[in-house]
Amino acid sequence: RRQFERGDRLRKLSQGIEQDGFWFALSIRLAPVFPFNAVNYLLGLTPLPLSTYILATAIGIIPGSFAYNWLGRGGLEALSGGPPWQLVGALAALAVLSAMPIVLKQFKRNTA
C-alpha cells in the first residue's frame, strides 16, 4: 500500500471510491476487460467497505459470466458447422458490457 500511496493515483482513486464506491466497483466489474485479480488487489487498497465490494461484485460479474458462457456456446456451435449467430450475439453482448462503464458514468452525470 505504501508503494501506491507515493503516487497521486491511489489517493484520487480512494477519494472517488469514498464518494461513489458502489458505482465505481460495479462499473469496473461490468467491463469484462479488467483482470479480476488486479481489480481485487486494487480495491483492497481502497477504503471500499467489504459489504459494498461484495454486492457490486455479485451484481457486476453476472452479465460478463453470461456473455462469456454464451461466447463459448456460440463458438462451439460455429465450429460444428452451425450458423454463427450465437457467436455474433455473444460478441455484441461483450461489446455492450465493455461500454457499460461509460454509459453508467454518463447516466450518473445526468442524474446528479
PDB file of N, CA and C in Angstrom:
ATOM      1  N   ARG A   1       0.835  -1.192   0.000  1.00  0.00           N
ATOM      2  CA  ARG A   1       0.000   0.000   0.000  1.00  0.00           C
ATOM      3  C   ARG A   1       0.877   1.253   0.000  1.00  0.00           C
ATOM      4  N   ARG A   2       1.972   1.197   0.728  1.00  0.00           N
ATOM      5  CA  ARG A   2       2.863   2.361   0.769  1.00  0.00           C
ATOM      6  C   ARG A   2       3.410   2.697  -0.616  1.00  0.00           C
ATOM      7  N   GLN A   3       3.667   1.655  -1.423  1.00  0.00           N
ATOM      8  CA  GLN A   3       4.161   1.883  -2.776  1.00  0.00           C
ATOM      9  C   GLN A   3       3.140   2.675  -3.596  1.00  0.00           C
ATOM     10  N   PHE A   4       1.879   2.317  -3.497  1.00  0.00           N
ATOM     11  CA  PHE A   4       0.839   3.004  -4.262  1.00  0.00           C
ATOM     12  C   PHE A   4       0.558   4.391  -3.712  1.00  0.00           C
ATOM     13  N   GLU A   5       0.712   4.579  -2.413  1.00  0.00           N
ATOM     14  CA  GLU A   5       0.417   5.882  -1.819  1.00  0.00           C
ATOM     15  C   GLU A   5       1.431   6.949  -2.203  1.00  0.00           C
ATOM     16  N   ARG A   6       2.587   6.526  -2.669  1.00  0.00           N
ATOM     17  CA  ARG A   6       3.587   7.503  -3.091  1.00  0.00           C
ATOM     18  C   ARG A   6       3.092   8.318  -4.281  1.00  0.00           C
ATOM     19  N   GLY A   7       2.366   7.675  -5.152  1.00  0.00           N
ATOM     20  CA  GLY A   7       1.814   8.371  -6.320  1.00  0.00           C
ATOM     21  C   GLY A   7       0.490   9.028  -5.970  1.00  0.00           C
ATOM     22  N   ASP A   8       0.010   9.793  -6.892  1.00  0.00           N
ATOM     23  CA  ASP A   8      -1.233  10.535  -6.700  1.00  0.00           C
ATOM     24  C   ASP A   8      -2.457   9.711  -7.102  1.00  0.00           C
ATOM     25  N   ARG A   9      -2.245   8.650  -7.863  1.00  0.00           N
ATOM     26  CA  ARG A   9      -3.371   7.888  -8.414  1.00  0.00           C
ATOM     27  C   ARG A   9      -4.193   7.188  -7.343  1.00  0.00           C
ATOM     28  N   LEU A  10      -3.553   6.533  -6.390  1.00  0.00           N
ATOM     29  CA  LEU A  10      -4.315   5.819  -5.369  1.00  0.00           C
ATOM     30  C   LEU A  10      -5.109   6.789  -4.504  1.00  0.00           C
ATOM     31  N   ARG A  11      -4.536   7.949  -4.224  1.00  0.00           N
ATOM     32  CA  ARG A  11      -5.263   8.944  -3.436  1.00  0.00           C
ATOM     33  C   ARG A  11      -6.511   9.405  -4.173  1.00  0.00           C
ATOM     34  N   LYS A  12      -6.388   9.680  -5.472  1.00  0.00           N
ATOM     35  CA  LYS A  12      -7.546  10.089  -6.274  1.00  0.00           C
ATOM     36  C   LYS A  12      -8.567   8.959  -6.367  1.00  0.00           C
ATOM     37  N   LEU A  13      -8.095   7.745  -6.530  1.00  0.00           N
ATOM     38  CA  LEU A  13      -8.988   6.593  -6.586  1.00  0.00           C
ATOM     39  C   LEU A  13      -9.729   6.419  -5.271  1.00  0.00           C
ATOM     40  N   SER A  14      -9.021   6.549  -4.174  1.00  0.00           N
ATOM     41  CA  SER A  14      -9.650   6.420  -2.857  1.00  0.00           C
ATOM     42  C   SER A  14     -10.698   7.503  -2.629  1.00  0.00           C
ATOM     43  N   GLN A  15     -10.405   8.726  -3.062  1.00  0.00           N
ATOM     44  CA  GLN A  15     -11.383   9.805  -2.922  1.00  0.00           C
ATOM     45  C   GLN A  15     -12.632   9.522  -3.742  1.00  0.00           C
ATOM     46  N   GLY A  16     -12.439   9.019  -4.950  1.00  0.00           N
ATOM     47  CA  GLY A  16     -13.580   8.672  -5.791  1.00  0.00           C
ATOM     48  C   GLY A  16     -14.404   7.547  -5.198  1.00  0.00           C
ATOM     49  N   ILE A  17     -13.749   6.586  -4.612  1.00  0.00           N
ATOM     50  CA  ILE A  17     -14.454   5.458  -4.004  1.00  0.00           C
ATOM     51  C   ILE A  17     -15.192   5.894  -2.744  1.00  0.00           C
ATOM     52  N   GLU A  18     -14.631   6.810  -1.996  1.00  0.00           N
ATOM     53  CA  GLU A  18     -15.331   7.316  -0.812  1.00  0.00           C
ATOM     54  C   GLU A  18     -16.626   8.023  -1.215  1.00  0.00           C
ATOM     55  N   GLN A  19     -16.637   8.663  -2.370  1.00  0.00           N
ATOM     56  CA  GLN A  19     -17.835   9.375  -2.829  1.00  0.00           C
ATOM     57  C   GLN A  19     -18.852   8.425  -3.456  1.00  0.00           C
ATOM     58  N   ASP A  20     -18.406   7.535  -4.341  1.00  0.00           N
ATOM     59  CA  ASP A  20     -19.303   6.647  -5.088  1.00  0.00           C
ATOM     60  C   ASP A  20     -18.712   5.249  -5.217  1.00  0.00           C
ATOM     61  N   GLY A  21     -18.428   4.619  -4.119  1.00  0.00           N
ATOM     62  CA  GLY A  21     -17.767   3.323  -4.125  1.00  0.00           C
ATOM     63  C   GLY A  21     -18.541   2.233  -4.830  1.00  0.00           C
ATOM     64  N   PHE A  22     -19.843   2.168  -4.578  1.00  0.00           N
ATOM     65  CA  PHE A  22     -20.641   1.113  -5.198  1.00  0.00           C
ATOM     66  C   PHE A  22     -20.635   1.244  -6.713  1.00  0.00           C
ATOM     67  N   TRP A  23     -20.877   2.457  -7.225  1.00  0.00           N
ATOM     68  CA  TRP A  23     -20.932   2.652  -8.678  1.00  0.00           C
ATOM     69  C   TRP A  23     -19.583   2.413  -9.330  1.00  0.00           C
ATOM     70  N   PHE A  24     -18.520   2.791  -8.641  1.00  0.00           N
ATOM     71  CA  PHE A  24     -17.189   2.548  -9.185  1.00  0.00           C
ATOM     72  C   PHE A  24     -16.925   1.055  -9.282  1.00  0.00           C
ATOM     73  N   ALA A  25     -17.168   0.336  -8.192  1.00  0.00           N
ATOM     74  CA  ALA A  25     -16.919  -1.110  -8.182  1.00  0.00           C
ATOM     75  C   ALA A  25     -17.821  -1.820  -9.185  1.00  0.00           C
ATOM     76  N   LEU A  26     -19.070  -1.396  -9.282  1.00  0.00           N
ATOM     77  CA  LEU A  26     -19.987  -2.021 -10.227  1.00  0.00           C
ATOM     78  C   LEU A  26     -19.526  -1.795 -11.664  1.00  0.00           C
ATOM     79  N   SER A  27     -19.155  -0.585 -11.995  1.00  0.00           N
ATOM     80  CA  SER A  27     -18.755  -0.303 -13.376  1.00  0.00           C
ATOM     81  C   SER A  27     -17.473  -1.027 -13.754  1.00  0.00           C
ATOM     82  N   ILE A  28     -16.564  -1.172 -12.824  1.00  0.00           N
ATOM     83  CA  ILE A  28     -15.324  -1.878 -13.142  1.00  0.00           C
ATOM     84  C   ILE A  28     -15.563  -3.387 -13.255  1.00  0.00           C
ATOM     85  N   ARG A  29     -16.560  -3.889 -12.549  1.00  0.00           N
ATOM     86  CA  ARG A  29     -16.920  -5.307 -12.662  1.00  0.00           C
ATOM     87  C   ARG A  29     -17.730  -5.588 -13.921  1.00  0.00           C
ATOM     88  N   LEU A  30     -18.529  -4.645 -14.371  1.00  0.00           N
ATOM     89  CA  LEU A  30     -19.324  -4.856 -15.584  1.00  0.00           C
ATOM     90  C   LEU A  30     -18.448  -4.938 -16.825  1.00  0.00           C
ATOM     91  N   ALA A  31     -17.376  -4.185 -16.860  1.00  0.00           N
ATOM     92  CA  ALA A  31     -16.484  -4.207 -18.018  1.00  0.00           C
ATOM     93  C   ALA A  31     -15.641  -5.485 -17.965  1.00  0.00           C
ATOM     94  N   PRO A  32     -15.841  -6.391 -18.916  1.00  0.00           N
ATOM     95  CA  PRO A  32     -15.144  -7.675 -18.851  1.00  0.00           C
ATOM     96  C   PRO A  32     -13.690  -7.605 -19.312  1.00  0.00           C
ATOM     97  N   VAL A  33     -13.119  -6.420 -19.383  1.00  0.00           N
ATOM     98  CA  VAL A  33     -11.750  -6.281 -19.873  1.00  0.00           C
ATOM     99  C   VAL A  33     -10.723  -6.168 -18.742  1.00  0.00           C
ATOM    100  N   PHE A  34     -11.178  -5.940 -17.518  1.00  0.00           N
ATOM    101  CA  PHE A  34     -10.244  -5.788 -16.404  1.00  0.00           C
ATOM    102  C   PHE A  34     -10.004  -7.131 -15.726  1.00  0.00           C
ATOM    103  N   PRO A  35      -8.749  -7.512 -15.510  1.00  0.00           N
ATOM    104  CA  PRO A  35      -8.461  -8.791 -14.844  1.00  0.00           C
ATOM    105  C   PRO A  35      -8.950  -8.772 -13.395  1.00  0.00           C
ATOM    106  N   PHE A  36      -9.645  -9.835 -13.009  1.00  0.00           N
ATOM    107  CA  PHE A  36     -10.229  -9.895 -11.672  1.00  0.00           C
ATOM    108  C   PHE A  36      -9.179  -9.773 -10.568  1.00  0.00           C
ATOM    109  N   ASN A  37      -8.054 -10.452 -10.720  1.00  0.00           N
ATOM    110  CA  ASN A  37      -7.042 -10.410  -9.663  1.00  0.00           C
ATOM    111  C   ASN A  37      -6.519  -9.000  -9.439  1.00  0.00           C
ATOM    112  N   ALA A  38      -6.281  -8.277 -10.507  1.00  0.00           N
ATOM    113  CA  ALA A  38      -5.783  -6.910 -10.376  1.00  0.00           C
ATOM    114  C   ALA A  38      -6.840  -6.010  -9.725  1.00  0.00           C
ATOM    115  N   VAL A  39      -8.097  -6.183 -10.121  1.00  0.00           N
ATOM    116  CA  VAL A  39      -9.181  -5.377  -9.547  1.00  0.00           C
ATOM    117  C   VAL A  39      -9.345  -5.703  -8.064  1.00  0.00           C
ATOM    118  N   ASN A  40      -9.303  -6.980  -7.719  1.00  0.00           N
ATOM    119  CA  ASN A  40      -9.415  -7.375  -6.309  1.00  0.00           C
ATOM    120  C   ASN A  40      -8.323  -6.720  -5.472  1.00  0.00           C
ATOM    121  N   TYR A  41      -7.116  -6.789  -5.962  1.00  0.00           N
ATOM    122  CA  TYR A  41      -5.985  -6.214  -5.236  1.00  0.00           C
ATOM    123  C   TYR A  41      -6.137  -4.689  -5.122  1.00  0.00           C
ATOM    124  N   LEU A  42      -6.471  -4.054  -6.218  1.00  0.00           N
ATOM    125  CA  LEU A  42      -6.608  -2.601  -6.231  1.00  0.00           C
ATOM    126  C   LEU A  42      -7.715  -2.142  -5.288  1.00  0.00           C
ATOM    127  N   LEU A  43      -8.863  -2.789  -5.338  1.00  0.00           N
ATOM    128  CA  LEU A  43      -9.960  -2.389  -4.458  1.00  0.00           C
ATOM    129  C   LEU A  43      -9.647  -2.683  -3.000  1.00  0.00           C
ATOM    130  N   GLY A  44      -8.797  -3.665  -2.751  1.00  0.00           N
ATOM    131  CA  GLY A  44      -8.373  -3.952  -1.384  1.00  0.00           C
ATOM    132  C   GLY A  44      -7.511  -2.847  -0.792  1.00  0.00           C
ATOM    133  N   LEU A  45      -6.924  -2.025  -1.636  1.00  0.00           N
ATOM    134  CA  LEU A  45      -6.088  -0.917  -1.169  1.00  0.00           C
ATOM    135  C   LEU A  45      -6.888   0.360  -0.922  1.00  0.00           C
ATOM    136  N   THR A  46      -8.162   0.312  -1.187  1.00  0.00           N
ATOM    137  CA  THR A  46      -9.016   1.498  -1.062  1.00  0.00           C
ATOM    138  C   THR A  46      -9.919   1.372   0.163  1.00  0.00           C
ATOM    139  N   PRO A  47     -10.606   2.445   0.528  1.00  0.00           N
ATOM    140  CA  PRO A  47     -11.497   2.400   1.696  1.00  0.00           C
ATOM    141  C   PRO A  47     -12.886   1.822   1.388  1.00  0.00           C
ATOM    142  N   LEU A  48     -13.026   1.081   0.305  1.00  0.00           N
ATOM    143  CA  LEU A  48     -14.319   0.499  -0.053  1.00  0.00           C
ATOM    144  C   LEU A  48     -14.731  -0.537   1.000  1.00  0.00           C
ATOM    145  N   PRO A  49     -15.917  -0.374   1.589  1.00  0.00           N
ATOM    146  CA  PRO A  49     -16.375  -1.350   2.585  1.00  0.00           C
ATOM    147  C   PRO A  49     -16.568  -2.732   1.959  1.00  0.00           C
ATOM    148  N   LEU A  50     -16.315  -3.766   2.734  1.00  0.00           N
ATOM    149  CA  LEU A  50     -16.424  -5.131   2.239  1.00  0.00           C
ATOM    150  C   LEU A  50     -17.830  -5.440   1.730  1.00  0.00           C
ATOM    151  N   SER A  51     -18.851  -4.983   2.443  1.00  0.00           N
ATOM    152  CA  SER A  51     -20.227  -5.262   2.008  1.00  0.00           C
ATOM    153  C   SER A  51     -20.511  -4.625   0.645  1.00  0.00           C
ATOM    154  N   THR A  52     -20.026  -3.424   0.412  1.00  0.00           N
ATOM    155  CA  THR A  52     -20.203  -2.753  -0.875  1.00  0.00           C
ATOM    156  C   THR A  52     -19.459  -3.499  -1.968  1.00  0.00           C
ATOM    157  N   TYR A  53     -18.251  -3.931  -1.666  1.00  0.00           N
ATOM    158  CA  TYR A  53     -17.434  -4.699  -2.611  1.00  0.00           C
ATOM    159  C   TYR A  53     -18.152  -5.989  -3.008  1.00  0.00           C
ATOM    160  N   ILE A  54     -18.675  -6.706  -2.030  1.00  0.00           N
ATOM    161  CA  ILE A  54     -19.349  -7.985  -2.303  1.00  0.00           C
ATOM    162  C   ILE A  54     -20.601  -7.767  -3.143  1.00  0.00           C
ATOM    163  N   LEU A  55     -21.411  -6.784  -2.800  1.00  0.00           N
ATOM    164  CA  LEU A  55     -22.645  -6.523  -3.542  1.00  0.00           C
ATOM    165  C   LEU A  55     -22.352  -6.098  -4.984  1.00  0.00           C
ATOM    166  N   ALA A  56     -21.443  -5.158  -5.160  1.00  0.00           N
ATOM    167  CA  ALA A  56     -21.111  -4.683  -6.507  1.00  0.00           C
ATOM    168  C   ALA A  56     -20.494  -5.800  -7.342  1.00  0.00           C
ATOM    169  N   THR A  57     -19.662  -6.631  -6.727  1.00  0.00           N
ATOM    170  CA  THR A  57     -19.056  -7.746  -7.444  1.00  0.00           C
ATOM    171  C   THR A  57     -20.110  -8.772  -7.840  1.00  0.00           C
ATOM    172  N   ALA A  58     -21.001  -9.106  -6.925  1.00  0.00           N
ATOM    173  CA  ALA A  58     -22.043 -10.096  -7.219  1.00  0.00           C
ATOM    174  C   ALA A  58     -22.933  -9.637  -8.374  1.00  0.00           C
ATOM    175  N   ILE A  59     -23.317  -8.379  -8.354  1.00  0.00           N
ATOM    176  CA  ILE A  59     -24.170  -7.861  -9.426  1.00  0.00           C
ATOM    177  C   ILE A  59     -23.375  -7.691 -10.721  1.00  0.00           C
ATOM    178  N   GLY A  60     -22.151  -7.226 -10.606  1.00  0.00           N
ATOM    179  CA  GLY A  60     -21.362  -6.882 -11.783  1.00  0.00           C
ATOM    180  C   GLY A  60     -20.803  -8.043 -12.575  1.00  0.00           C
ATOM    181  N   ILE A  61     -20.564  -9.193 -11.947  1.00  0.00           N
ATOM    182  CA  ILE A  61     -19.959 -10.293 -12.705  1.00  0.00           C
ATOM    183  C   ILE A  61     -20.981 -11.184 -13.396  1.00  0.00           C
ATOM    184  N   ILE A  62     -22.244 -11.075 -13.014  1.00  0.00           N
ATOM    185  CA  ILE A  62     -23.260 -11.934 -13.627  1.00  0.00           C
ATOM    186  C   ILE A  62     -23.378 -11.699 -15.144  1.00  0.00           C
ATOM    187  N   PRO A  63     -23.510 -10.454 -15.612  1.00  0.00           N
ATOM    188  CA  PRO A  63     -23.630 -10.262 -17.073  1.00  0.00           C
ATOM    189  C   PRO A  63     -22.397 -10.742 -17.845  1.00  0.00           C
ATOM    190  N   GLY A  64     -21.201 -10.480 -17.325  1.00  0.00           N
ATOM    191  CA  GLY A  64     -19.990 -10.925 -18.002  1.00  0.00           C
ATOM    192  C   GLY A  64     -19.869 -12.437 -18.039  1.00  0.00           C
ATOM    193  N   SER A  65     -20.234 -13.084 -16.942  1.00  0.00           N
ATOM    194  CA  SER A  65     -20.205 -14.548 -16.908  1.00  0.00           C
ATOM    195  C   SER A  65     -21.177 -15.127 -17.933  1.00  0.00           C
ATOM    196  N   PHE A  66     -22.357 -14.548 -18.018  1.00  0.00           N
ATOM    197  CA  PHE A  66     -23.337 -14.974 -19.008  1.00  0.00           C
ATOM    198  C   PHE A  66     -22.785 -14.812 -20.424  1.00  0.00           C
ATOM    199  N   ALA A  67     -22.201 -13.647 -20.707  1.00  0.00           N
ATOM    200  CA  ALA A  67     -21.699 -13.369 -22.050  1.00  0.00           C
ATOM    201  C   ALA A  67     -20.544 -14.305 -22.420  1.00  0.00           C
ATOM    202  N   TYR A  68     -19.635 -14.573 -21.493  1.00  0.00           N
ATOM    203  CA  TYR A  68     -18.529 -15.480 -21.788  1.00  0.00           C
ATOM    204  C   TYR A  68     -19.016 -16.912 -21.994  1.00  0.00           C
ATOM    205  N   ASN A  69     -20.012 -17.336 -21.227  1.00  0.00           N
ATOM    206  CA  ASN A  69     -20.580 -18.666 -21.447  1.00  0.00           C
ATOM    207  C   ASN A  69     -21.282 -18.744 -22.798  1.00  0.00           C
ATOM    208  N   TRP A  70     -21.980 -17.700 -23.147  1.00  0.00           N
ATOM    209  CA  TRP A  70     -22.657 -17.624 -24.439  1.00  0.00           C
ATOM    210  C   TRP A  70     -21.631 -17.650 -25.576  1.00  0.00           C
ATOM    211  N   LEU A  71     -20.515 -16.961 -25.360  1.00  0.00           N
ATOM    212  CA  LEU A  71     -19.442 -16.948 -26.355  1.00  0.00           C
ATOM    213  C   LEU A  71     -18.899 -18.357 -26.570  1.00  0.00           C
ATOM    214  N   GLY A  72     -18.691 -19.090 -25.490  1.00  0.00           N
ATOM    215  CA  GLY A  72     -18.215 -20.467 -25.616  1.00  0.00           C
ATOM    216  C   GLY A  72     -19.206 -21.342 -26.354  1.00  0.00           C
ATOM    217  N   ARG A  73     -20.472 -21.214 -26.019  1.00  0.00           N
ATOM    218  CA  ARG A  73     -21.516 -21.992 -26.684  1.00  0.00           C
ATOM    219  C   ARG A  73     -21.611 -21.616 -28.157  1.00  0.00           C
ATOM    220  N   GLY A  74     -21.552 -20.327 -28.448  1.00  0.00           N
ATOM    221  CA  GLY A  74     -21.611 -19.872 -29.838  1.00  0.00           C
ATOM    222  C   GLY A  74     -20.409 -20.328 -30.640  1.00  0.00           C
ATOM    223  N   GLY A  75     -19.242 -20.313 -30.020  1.00  0.00           N
ATOM    224  CA  GLY A  75     -18.037 -20.795 -30.698  1.00  0.00           C
ATOM    225  C   GLY A  75     -18.112 -22.273 -31.008  1.00  0.00           C
ATOM    226  N   LEU A  76     -18.617 -23.044 -30.054  1.00  0.00           N
ATOM    227  CA  LEU A  76     -18.780 -24.480 -30.266  1.00  0.00           C
ATOM    228  C   LEU A  76     -19.762 -24.754 -31.404  1.00  0.00           C
ATOM    229  N   GLU A  77     -20.853 -24.021 -31.420  1.00  0.00           N
ATOM    230  CA  GLU A  77     -21.844 -24.190 -32.480  1.00  0.00           C
ATOM    231  C   GLU A  77     -21.271 -23.798 -33.841  1.00  0.00           C
ATOM    232  N   ALA A  78     -20.506 -22.705 -33.880  1.00  0.00           N
ATOM    233  CA  ALA A  78     -19.910 -22.263 -35.144  1.00  0.00           C
ATOM    234  C   ALA A  78     -18.868 -23.270 -35.634  1.00  0.00           C
ATOM    235  N   LEU A  79     -18.094 -23.851 -34.715  1.00  0.00           N
ATOM    236  CA  LEU A  79     -17.105 -24.854 -35.108  1.00  0.00           C
ATOM    237  C   LEU A  79     -17.759 -26.144 -35.592  1.00  0.00           C
ATOM    238  N   SER A  80     -18.970 -26.397 -35.130  1.00  0.00           N
ATOM    239  CA  SER A  80     -19.706 -27.599 -35.549  1.00  0.00           C
ATOM    240  C   SER A  80     -20.399 -27.400 -36.887  1.00  0.00           C
ATOM    241  N   GLY A  81     -20.248 -26.257 -37.490  1.00  0.00           N
ATOM    242  CA  GLY A  81     -20.832 -26.005 -38.797  1.00  0.00           C
ATOM    243  C   GLY A  81     -22.161 -25.284 -38.748  1.00  0.00           C
ATOM    244  N   GLY A  82     -22.612 -24.933 -37.573  1.00  0.00           N
ATOM    245  CA  GLY A  82     -23.876 -24.215 -37.455  1.00  0.00           C
ATOM    246  C   GLY A  82     -23.708 -22.747 -37.792  1.00  0.00           C
ATOM    247  N   PRO A  83     -24.817 -22.038 -37.894  1.00  0.00           N
ATOM    248  CA  PRO A  83     -24.721 -20.593 -38.183  1.00  0.00           C
ATOM    249  C   PRO A  83     -24.057 -19.864 -37.009  1.00  0.00           C
ATOM    250  N   PRO A  84     -23.291 -18.840 -37.316  1.00  0.00           N
ATOM    251  CA  PRO A  84     -22.528 -18.151 -36.264  1.00  0.00           C
ATOM    252  C   PRO A  84     -23.325 -17.115 -35.481  1.00  0.00           C
ATOM    253  N   TRP A  85     -24.646 -17.188 -35.507  1.00  0.00           N
ATOM    254  CA  TRP A  85     -25.447 -16.153 -34.859  1.00  0.00           C
ATOM    255  C   TRP A  85     -25.215 -16.095 -33.360  1.00  0.00           C
ATOM    256  N   GLN A  86     -25.051 -17.245 -32.730  1.00  0.00           N
ATOM    257  CA  GLN A  86     -24.782 -17.267 -31.288  1.00  0.00           C
ATOM    258  C   GLN A  86     -23.468 -16.546 -30.989  1.00  0.00           C
ATOM    259  N   LEU A  87     -22.470 -16.819 -31.811  1.00  0.00           N
ATOM    260  CA  LEU A  87     -21.153 -16.208 -31.636  1.00  0.00           C
ATOM    261  C   LEU A  87     -21.226 -14.693 -31.826  1.00  0.00           C
ATOM    262  N   VAL A  88     -21.937 -14.260 -32.839  1.00  0.00           N
ATOM    263  CA  VAL A  88     -22.084 -12.823 -33.105  1.00  0.00           C
ATOM    264  C   VAL A  88     -22.838 -12.148 -31.959  1.00  0.00           C
ATOM    265  N   GLY A  89     -23.890 -12.790 -31.472  1.00  0.00           N
ATOM    266  CA  GLY A  89     -24.654 -12.239 -30.351  1.00  0.00           C
ATOM    267  C   GLY A  89     -23.814 -12.111 -29.096  1.00  0.00           C
ATOM    268  N   ALA A  90     -22.996 -13.127 -28.817  1.00  0.00           N
ATOM    269  CA  ALA A  90     -22.139 -13.088 -27.632  1.00  0.00           C
ATOM    270  C   ALA A  90     -21.096 -11.986 -27.747  1.00  0.00           C
ATOM    271  N   LEU A  91     -20.517 -11.833 -28.921  1.00  0.00           N
ATOM    272  CA  LEU A  91     -19.534 -10.764 -29.115  1.00  0.00           C
ATOM    273  C   LEU A  91     -20.183  -9.393 -28.974  1.00  0.00           C
ATOM    274  N   ALA A  92     -21.403  -9.262 -29.452  1.00  0.00           N
ATOM    275  CA  ALA A  92     -22.132  -7.997 -29.295  1.00  0.00           C
ATOM    276  C   ALA A  92     -22.420  -7.729 -27.817  1.00  0.00           C
ATOM    277  N   ALA A  93     -22.788  -8.769 -27.076  1.00  0.00           N
ATOM    278  CA  ALA A  93     -23.043  -8.613 -25.642  1.00  0.00           C
ATOM    279  C   ALA A  93     -21.774  -8.172 -24.913  1.00  0.00           C
ATOM    280  N   LEU A  94     -20.642  -8.748 -25.269  1.00  0.00           N
ATOM    281  CA  LEU A  94     -19.377  -8.338 -24.652  1.00  0.00           C
ATOM    282  C   LEU A  94     -19.033  -6.895 -25.001  1.00  0.00           C
ATOM    283  N   ALA A  95     -19.322  -6.484 -26.217  1.00  0.00           N
ATOM    284  CA  ALA A  95     -19.070  -5.088 -26.607  1.00  0.00           C
ATOM    285  C   ALA A  95     -19.940  -4.138 -25.802  1.00  0.00           C
ATOM    286  N   VAL A  96     -21.206  -4.503 -25.623  1.00  0.00           N
ATOM    287  CA  VAL A  96     -22.115  -3.662 -24.836  1.00  0.00           C
ATOM    288  C   VAL A  96     -21.641  -3.588 -23.388  1.00  0.00           C
ATOM    289  N   LEU A  97     -21.241  -4.718 -22.834  1.00  0.00           N
ATOM    290  CA  LEU A  97     -20.745  -4.722 -21.448  1.00  0.00           C
ATOM    291  C   LEU A  97     -19.489  -3.876 -21.298  1.00  0.00           C
ATOM    292  N   SER A  98     -18.637  -3.908 -22.298  1.00  0.00           N
ATOM    293  CA  SER A  98     -17.415  -3.100 -22.236  1.00  0.00           C
ATOM    294  C   SER A  98     -17.727  -1.613 -22.246  1.00  0.00           C
ATOM    295  N   ALA A  99     -18.835  -1.235 -22.859  1.00  0.00           N
ATOM    296  CA  ALA A  99     -19.227   0.169 -22.913  1.00  0.00           C
ATOM    297  C   ALA A  99     -20.035   0.599 -21.687  1.00  0.00           C
ATOM    298  N   MET A 100     -20.461  -0.340 -20.871  1.00  0.00           N
ATOM    299  CA  MET A 100     -21.312  -0.016 -19.724  1.00  0.00           C
ATOM    300  C   MET A 100     -20.700   1.002 -18.755  1.00  0.00           C
ATOM    301  N   PRO A 101     -19.409   0.925 -18.424  1.00  0.00           N
ATOM    302  CA  PRO A 101     -18.867   1.952 -17.523  1.00  0.00           C
ATOM    303  C   PRO A 101     -19.043   3.370 -18.063  1.00  0.00           C
ATOM    304  N   ILE A 102     -18.908   3.536 -19.365  1.00  0.00           N
ATOM    305  CA  ILE A 102     -19.085   4.861 -19.958  1.00  0.00           C
ATOM    306  C   ILE A 102     -20.546   5.278 -19.860  1.00  0.00           C
ATOM    307  N   VAL A 103     -21.447   4.354 -20.137  1.00  0.00           N
ATOM    308  CA  VAL A 103     -22.880   4.640 -20.057  1.00  0.00           C
ATOM    309  C   VAL A 103     -23.279   4.975 -18.624  1.00  0.00           C
ATOM    310  N   LEU A 104     -22.781   4.198 -17.657  1.00  0.00           N
ATOM    311  CA  LEU A 104     -23.088   4.464 -16.250  1.00  0.00           C
ATOM    312  C   LEU A 104     -22.568   5.828 -15.813  1.00  0.00           C
ATOM    313  N   LYS A 105     -21.383   6.176 -16.294  1.00  0.00           N
ATOM    314  CA  LYS A 105     -20.811   7.476 -15.941  1.00  0.00           C
ATOM    315  C   LYS A 105     -21.670   8.606 -16.500  1.00  0.00           C
ATOM    316  N   GLN A 106     -22.128   8.472 -17.737  1.00  0.00           N
ATOM    317  CA  GLN A 106     -22.997   9.486 -18.331  1.00  0.00           C
ATOM    318  C   GLN A 106     -24.335   9.563 -17.599  1.00  0.00           C
ATOM    319  N   PHE A 107     -24.904   8.393 -17.264  1.00  0.00           N
ATOM    320  CA  PHE A 107     -26.168   8.354 -16.531  1.00  0.00           C
ATOM    321  C   PHE A 107     -26.032   9.026 -15.177  1.00  0.00           C
ATOM    322  N   LYS A 108     -24.942   8.708 -14.483  1.00  0.00           N
ATOM    323  CA  LYS A 108     -24.711   9.297 -13.165  1.00  0.00           C
ATOM    324  C   LYS A 108     -24.519  10.800 -13.279  1.00  0.00           C
ATOM    325  N   ARG A 109     -23.819  11.242 -14.301  1.00  0.00           N
ATOM    326  CA  ARG A 109     -23.578  12.669 -14.504  1.00  0.00           C
ATOM    327  C   ARG A 109     -24.885  13.404 -14.806  1.00  0.00           C
ATOM    328  N   ASN A 110     -25.760  12.772 -15.592  1.00  0.00           N
ATOM    329  CA  ASN A 110     -27.035  13.411 -15.960  1.00  0.00           C
ATOM    330  C   ASN A 110     -28.025  13.452 -14.816  1.00  0.00           C
ATOM    331  N   THR A 111     -27.956  12.499 -13.887  1.00  0.00           N
ATOM    332  CA  THR A 111     -28.880  12.480 -12.766  1.00  0.00           C
ATOM    333  C   THR A 111     -28.379  13.319 -11.599  1.00  0.00           C
ATOM    334  N   ALA A 112     -27.105  13.671 -11.615  1.00  0.00           N
ATOM    335  CA  ALA A 112     -26.547  14.464 -10.495  1.00  0.00           C
ATOM    336  C   ALA A 112     -26.802  15.925 -10.653  1.00  0.00           C
TER     337      ALA A 112
END
